[in-house]
């Protein structure tokens, strides 16, 4: 149980937004998933009943637009959190 005065410390502000992204992992078929929220540092991806990767798994996420870019942006990322609803991932940088 969390104490009543607990406050999350986040580096970036999250935006509650639902967009479709493409997730690619080694050895798995690419998946299209919806976001639950997104920030400059990462994204929460809704599982939609799929078997999701566990924390520590590296993957790439292609966003239709990000940081005011007009073209899709592919980001290297790592899974940091896992729940029944989805996964929280941290962006590690842009893919070339």
N, C-alpha and C. Protein backbone atom coordinates (compact mmCIF):
# COMPACT_ATOMS: atom_id res chain seq x y z
N UNK A 1 0.83 -1.18 0.00
CA UNK A 1 0.00 0.00 0.00
C UNK A 1 0.88 1.24 0.00
N UNK A 2 0.50 2.23 -0.76
CA UNK A 2 1.25 3.46 -0.88
C UNK A 2 0.77 4.46 0.17
N UNK A 3 1.70 5.17 0.79
CA UNK A 3 1.31 6.17 1.78
C UNK A 3 0.60 7.33 1.11
N UNK A 4 -0.30 8.02 1.84
CA UNK A 4 -1.08 9.11 1.24
C UNK A 4 -0.24 10.27 0.73
N UNK A 5 0.97 10.47 1.30
CA UNK A 5 1.77 11.60 0.86
C UNK A 5 2.77 11.24 -0.23
N UNK A 6 2.67 10.00 -0.76
CA UNK A 6 3.55 9.58 -1.85
C UNK A 6 3.29 10.41 -3.10
N UNK A 7 4.36 10.87 -3.74
CA UNK A 7 4.24 11.61 -4.99
C UNK A 7 5.22 11.02 -5.99
N UNK A 8 4.74 10.81 -7.21
CA UNK A 8 5.61 10.31 -8.27
C UNK A 8 6.61 11.38 -8.67
N UNK A 9 7.84 10.98 -8.86
CA UNK A 9 8.86 11.90 -9.37
C UNK A 9 9.14 11.51 -10.81
N UNK A 10 8.85 12.39 -11.71
CA UNK A 10 9.05 12.11 -13.13
C UNK A 10 9.91 13.20 -13.74
N UNK A 11 10.74 12.79 -14.69
CA UNK A 11 11.61 13.72 -15.38
C UNK A 11 10.83 14.52 -16.43
N UNK A 12 9.82 13.88 -17.05
CA UNK A 12 9.05 14.52 -18.11
C UNK A 12 7.56 14.45 -17.79
N UNK A 13 6.83 15.43 -18.24
CA UNK A 13 5.38 15.45 -18.07
C UNK A 13 4.74 14.50 -19.06
N UNK A 14 3.79 13.70 -18.58
CA UNK A 14 3.09 12.75 -19.44
C UNK A 14 1.86 13.40 -20.05
N UNK A 15 1.56 12.99 -21.29
CA UNK A 15 0.33 13.42 -21.96
C UNK A 15 -0.53 12.18 -22.17
N UNK A 16 -1.79 12.27 -21.73
CA UNK A 16 -2.73 11.17 -21.93
C UNK A 16 -3.18 11.25 -23.39
N UNK A 17 -2.62 10.39 -24.21
CA UNK A 17 -2.91 10.41 -25.64
C UNK A 17 -2.94 8.99 -26.17
N UNK A 18 -3.85 8.74 -27.08
CA UNK A 18 -3.96 7.41 -27.67
C UNK A 18 -3.61 7.51 -29.16
N UNK A 19 -2.43 6.98 -29.49
CA UNK A 19 -2.02 6.89 -30.89
C UNK A 19 -1.55 5.46 -31.13
N UNK A 20 -1.53 5.05 -32.38
CA UNK A 20 -1.06 3.72 -32.73
C UNK A 20 0.42 3.79 -33.08
N UNK A 21 1.21 2.88 -32.49
CA UNK A 21 2.64 2.81 -32.75
C UNK A 21 3.00 1.40 -33.20
N UNK A 22 4.13 1.29 -33.85
CA UNK A 22 4.63 -0.02 -34.30
C UNK A 22 5.77 -0.43 -33.37
N UNK A 23 5.64 -1.62 -32.77
CA UNK A 23 6.64 -2.14 -31.84
C UNK A 23 7.32 -3.33 -32.49
N UNK A 24 8.66 -3.30 -32.51
CA UNK A 24 9.45 -4.37 -33.12
C UNK A 24 10.43 -4.91 -32.08
N UNK A 25 10.43 -6.24 -31.95
CA UNK A 25 11.34 -6.93 -31.04
C UNK A 25 12.01 -8.07 -31.77
N UNK A 26 13.26 -8.38 -31.42
CA UNK A 26 13.93 -9.50 -32.06
C UNK A 26 13.15 -10.80 -31.87
N UNK A 27 13.00 -11.56 -32.94
CA UNK A 27 12.36 -12.86 -32.88
C UNK A 27 10.85 -12.84 -32.78
N UNK A 28 10.21 -11.67 -32.90
CA UNK A 28 8.75 -11.59 -32.83
C UNK A 28 8.22 -10.78 -34.01
N UNK A 29 7.00 -11.08 -34.38
CA UNK A 29 6.33 -10.33 -35.44
C UNK A 29 6.05 -8.92 -34.93
N UNK A 30 6.30 -7.88 -35.74
CA UNK A 30 5.98 -6.51 -35.30
C UNK A 30 4.50 -6.39 -34.90
N UNK A 31 4.26 -5.56 -33.86
CA UNK A 31 2.90 -5.38 -33.34
C UNK A 31 2.50 -3.92 -33.43
N UNK A 32 1.24 -3.67 -33.73
CA UNK A 32 0.69 -2.32 -33.64
C UNK A 32 -0.04 -2.24 -32.30
N UNK A 33 0.35 -1.27 -31.48
CA UNK A 33 -0.24 -1.09 -30.16
C UNK A 33 -0.69 0.35 -29.98
N UNK A 34 -1.61 0.56 -29.06
CA UNK A 34 -2.08 1.91 -28.72
C UNK A 34 -1.34 2.40 -27.48
N UNK A 35 -1.10 3.69 -27.44
CA UNK A 35 -0.49 4.29 -26.27
C UNK A 35 -1.56 4.65 -25.25
N UNK A 36 -1.18 4.60 -23.98
CA UNK A 36 -2.04 5.07 -22.90
C UNK A 36 -1.63 6.47 -22.50
N UNK A 37 -0.30 6.70 -22.52
CA UNK A 37 0.25 8.02 -22.31
C UNK A 37 1.64 8.06 -22.90
N UNK A 38 2.16 9.26 -23.07
CA UNK A 38 3.47 9.43 -23.70
C UNK A 38 4.15 10.66 -23.12
N UNK A 39 5.47 10.62 -23.09
CA UNK A 39 6.27 11.77 -22.68
C UNK A 39 7.53 11.78 -23.53
N UNK A 40 8.37 12.76 -23.32
CA UNK A 40 9.64 12.80 -24.06
C UNK A 40 10.55 11.64 -23.68
N UNK A 41 10.36 11.08 -22.48
CA UNK A 41 11.24 10.02 -22.00
C UNK A 41 10.73 8.61 -22.20
N UNK A 42 9.44 8.45 -22.56
CA UNK A 42 8.92 7.11 -22.72
C UNK A 42 7.44 7.09 -23.03
N UNK A 43 6.88 5.89 -23.00
CA UNK A 43 5.48 5.70 -23.37
C UNK A 43 4.93 4.49 -22.63
N UNK A 44 3.62 4.54 -22.31
CA UNK A 44 2.93 3.38 -21.78
C UNK A 44 2.13 2.79 -22.92
N UNK A 45 2.38 1.52 -23.23
CA UNK A 45 1.70 0.83 -24.32
C UNK A 45 0.67 -0.13 -23.76
N UNK A 46 -0.55 -0.03 -24.24
CA UNK A 46 -1.64 -0.90 -23.80
C UNK A 46 -1.47 -2.28 -24.42
N UNK A 47 -1.67 -3.32 -23.61
CA UNK A 47 -1.39 -4.68 -24.08
C UNK A 47 -2.45 -5.23 -25.03
N UNK A 48 -3.70 -4.82 -24.86
CA UNK A 48 -4.74 -5.35 -25.73
C UNK A 48 -4.86 -6.86 -25.66
N UNK A 49 -4.53 -7.46 -24.51
CA UNK A 49 -4.63 -8.91 -24.34
C UNK A 49 -3.46 -9.68 -24.91
N UNK A 50 -2.47 -9.00 -25.43
CA UNK A 50 -1.31 -9.69 -26.01
C UNK A 50 -0.30 -10.06 -24.93
N UNK A 51 0.52 -11.04 -25.25
CA UNK A 51 1.64 -11.42 -24.39
C UNK A 51 2.73 -10.37 -24.58
N UNK A 52 3.00 -9.61 -23.55
CA UNK A 52 3.93 -8.49 -23.67
C UNK A 52 5.31 -8.86 -23.12
N UNK A 53 6.34 -8.16 -23.61
CA UNK A 53 7.69 -8.42 -23.12
C UNK A 53 7.88 -7.96 -21.68
N UNK A 54 8.78 -8.59 -20.99
CA UNK A 54 9.06 -8.31 -19.58
C UNK A 54 10.10 -7.18 -19.44
N UNK A 55 10.20 -6.60 -18.24
CA UNK A 55 11.20 -5.56 -17.99
C UNK A 55 12.60 -6.01 -18.39
N UNK A 56 13.35 -5.09 -18.98
CA UNK A 56 14.70 -5.36 -19.45
C UNK A 56 14.76 -5.69 -20.93
N UNK A 57 13.62 -5.99 -21.56
CA UNK A 57 13.59 -6.33 -22.98
C UNK A 57 13.79 -5.07 -23.81
N UNK A 58 14.73 -5.13 -24.75
CA UNK A 58 14.94 -4.00 -25.66
C UNK A 58 14.08 -4.18 -26.90
N UNK A 59 13.59 -3.08 -27.43
CA UNK A 59 12.72 -3.10 -28.60
C UNK A 59 12.83 -1.76 -29.31
N UNK A 60 12.12 -1.65 -30.42
CA UNK A 60 12.03 -0.35 -31.09
C UNK A 60 10.56 0.02 -31.22
N UNK A 61 10.30 1.30 -31.14
CA UNK A 61 8.95 1.84 -31.24
C UNK A 61 8.97 2.91 -32.32
N UNK A 62 8.10 2.76 -33.31
CA UNK A 62 7.98 3.77 -34.37
C UNK A 62 6.72 4.56 -34.11
N UNK A 63 6.90 5.86 -33.88
CA UNK A 63 5.80 6.77 -33.59
C UNK A 63 5.45 7.54 -34.85
N UNK A 64 4.15 7.77 -35.11
CA UNK A 64 3.76 8.50 -36.31
C UNK A 64 4.31 9.92 -36.33
N UNK A 65 4.43 10.52 -35.15
CA UNK A 65 5.08 11.82 -35.03
C UNK A 65 5.53 11.97 -33.59
N UNK A 66 6.60 12.70 -33.36
CA UNK A 66 7.17 12.82 -32.03
C UNK A 66 8.03 14.07 -31.97
N UNK A 67 7.93 14.80 -30.90
CA UNK A 67 8.73 16.01 -30.71
C UNK A 67 8.64 16.95 -31.91
N UNK A 68 7.43 17.14 -32.40
CA UNK A 68 7.15 18.06 -33.51
C UNK A 68 7.83 17.67 -34.82
N UNK A 69 8.15 16.40 -34.99
CA UNK A 69 8.70 15.90 -36.26
C UNK A 69 7.55 15.55 -37.19
N UNK A 70 7.65 15.92 -38.45
CA UNK A 70 6.59 15.64 -39.41
C UNK A 70 6.61 14.18 -39.89
N UNK A 71 7.76 13.54 -39.83
CA UNK A 71 7.92 12.16 -40.30
C UNK A 71 7.90 11.19 -39.11
N UNK A 72 7.53 9.93 -39.35
CA UNK A 72 7.60 8.93 -38.28
C UNK A 72 9.01 8.84 -37.70
N UNK A 73 9.10 8.57 -36.42
CA UNK A 73 10.37 8.49 -35.72
C UNK A 73 10.47 7.12 -35.05
N UNK A 74 11.58 6.42 -35.31
CA UNK A 74 11.83 5.12 -34.68
C UNK A 74 12.77 5.34 -33.49
N UNK A 75 12.35 4.83 -32.34
CA UNK A 75 13.12 4.99 -31.11
C UNK A 75 13.54 3.64 -30.57
N UNK A 76 14.80 3.54 -30.15
CA UNK A 76 15.26 2.37 -29.41
C UNK A 76 14.71 2.55 -28.00
N UNK A 77 14.25 1.46 -27.38
CA UNK A 77 13.62 1.56 -26.07
C UNK A 77 13.85 0.29 -25.26
N UNK A 78 13.54 0.38 -23.98
CA UNK A 78 13.63 -0.78 -23.08
C UNK A 78 12.39 -0.79 -22.19
N UNK A 79 11.88 -1.99 -21.94
CA UNK A 79 10.73 -2.15 -21.05
C UNK A 79 11.19 -1.93 -19.62
N UNK A 80 10.52 -1.02 -18.91
CA UNK A 80 10.85 -0.73 -17.51
C UNK A 80 9.79 -1.25 -16.54
N UNK A 81 8.52 -1.26 -16.99
CA UNK A 81 7.43 -1.68 -16.11
C UNK A 81 6.49 -2.61 -16.88
N UNK A 82 5.88 -3.53 -16.16
CA UNK A 82 4.94 -4.49 -16.76
C UNK A 82 3.73 -4.59 -15.85
N UNK A 83 2.53 -4.60 -16.45
CA UNK A 83 1.31 -4.82 -15.68
C UNK A 83 0.32 -5.57 -16.57
N UNK A 84 -0.82 -5.92 -16.01
CA UNK A 84 -1.86 -6.59 -16.79
C UNK A 84 -2.40 -5.68 -17.89
N UNK A 85 -2.27 -4.36 -17.72
CA UNK A 85 -2.79 -3.39 -18.69
C UNK A 85 -1.84 -3.12 -19.85
N UNK A 86 -0.53 -3.27 -19.59
CA UNK A 86 0.44 -2.96 -20.63
C UNK A 86 1.84 -2.85 -20.08
N UNK A 87 2.70 -2.13 -20.85
CA UNK A 87 4.10 -1.98 -20.46
C UNK A 87 4.51 -0.51 -20.50
N UNK A 88 5.37 -0.15 -19.57
CA UNK A 88 5.97 1.17 -19.57
C UNK A 88 7.36 1.05 -20.14
N UNK A 89 7.66 1.84 -21.16
CA UNK A 89 8.99 1.75 -21.77
C UNK A 89 9.69 3.09 -21.69
N UNK A 90 11.00 3.02 -21.63
CA UNK A 90 11.85 4.20 -21.61
C UNK A 90 12.54 4.31 -22.96
N UNK A 91 12.52 5.50 -23.55
CA UNK A 91 13.23 5.73 -24.80
C UNK A 91 14.72 5.83 -24.51
N UNK A 92 15.54 5.17 -25.34
CA UNK A 92 16.99 5.19 -25.20
C UNK A 92 17.64 6.07 -26.25
N UNK A 93 16.92 6.43 -27.28
CA UNK A 93 17.46 7.27 -28.35
C UNK A 93 16.86 6.89 -29.69
N UNK A 94 17.12 7.75 -30.68
CA UNK A 94 16.60 7.51 -32.02
C UNK A 94 17.39 6.44 -32.73
N UNK A 95 16.70 5.64 -33.53
CA UNK A 95 17.38 4.66 -34.39
C UNK A 95 17.80 5.37 -35.67
N UNK A 96 18.92 4.96 -36.19
CA UNK A 96 19.42 5.59 -37.43
C UNK A 96 18.62 5.18 -38.63
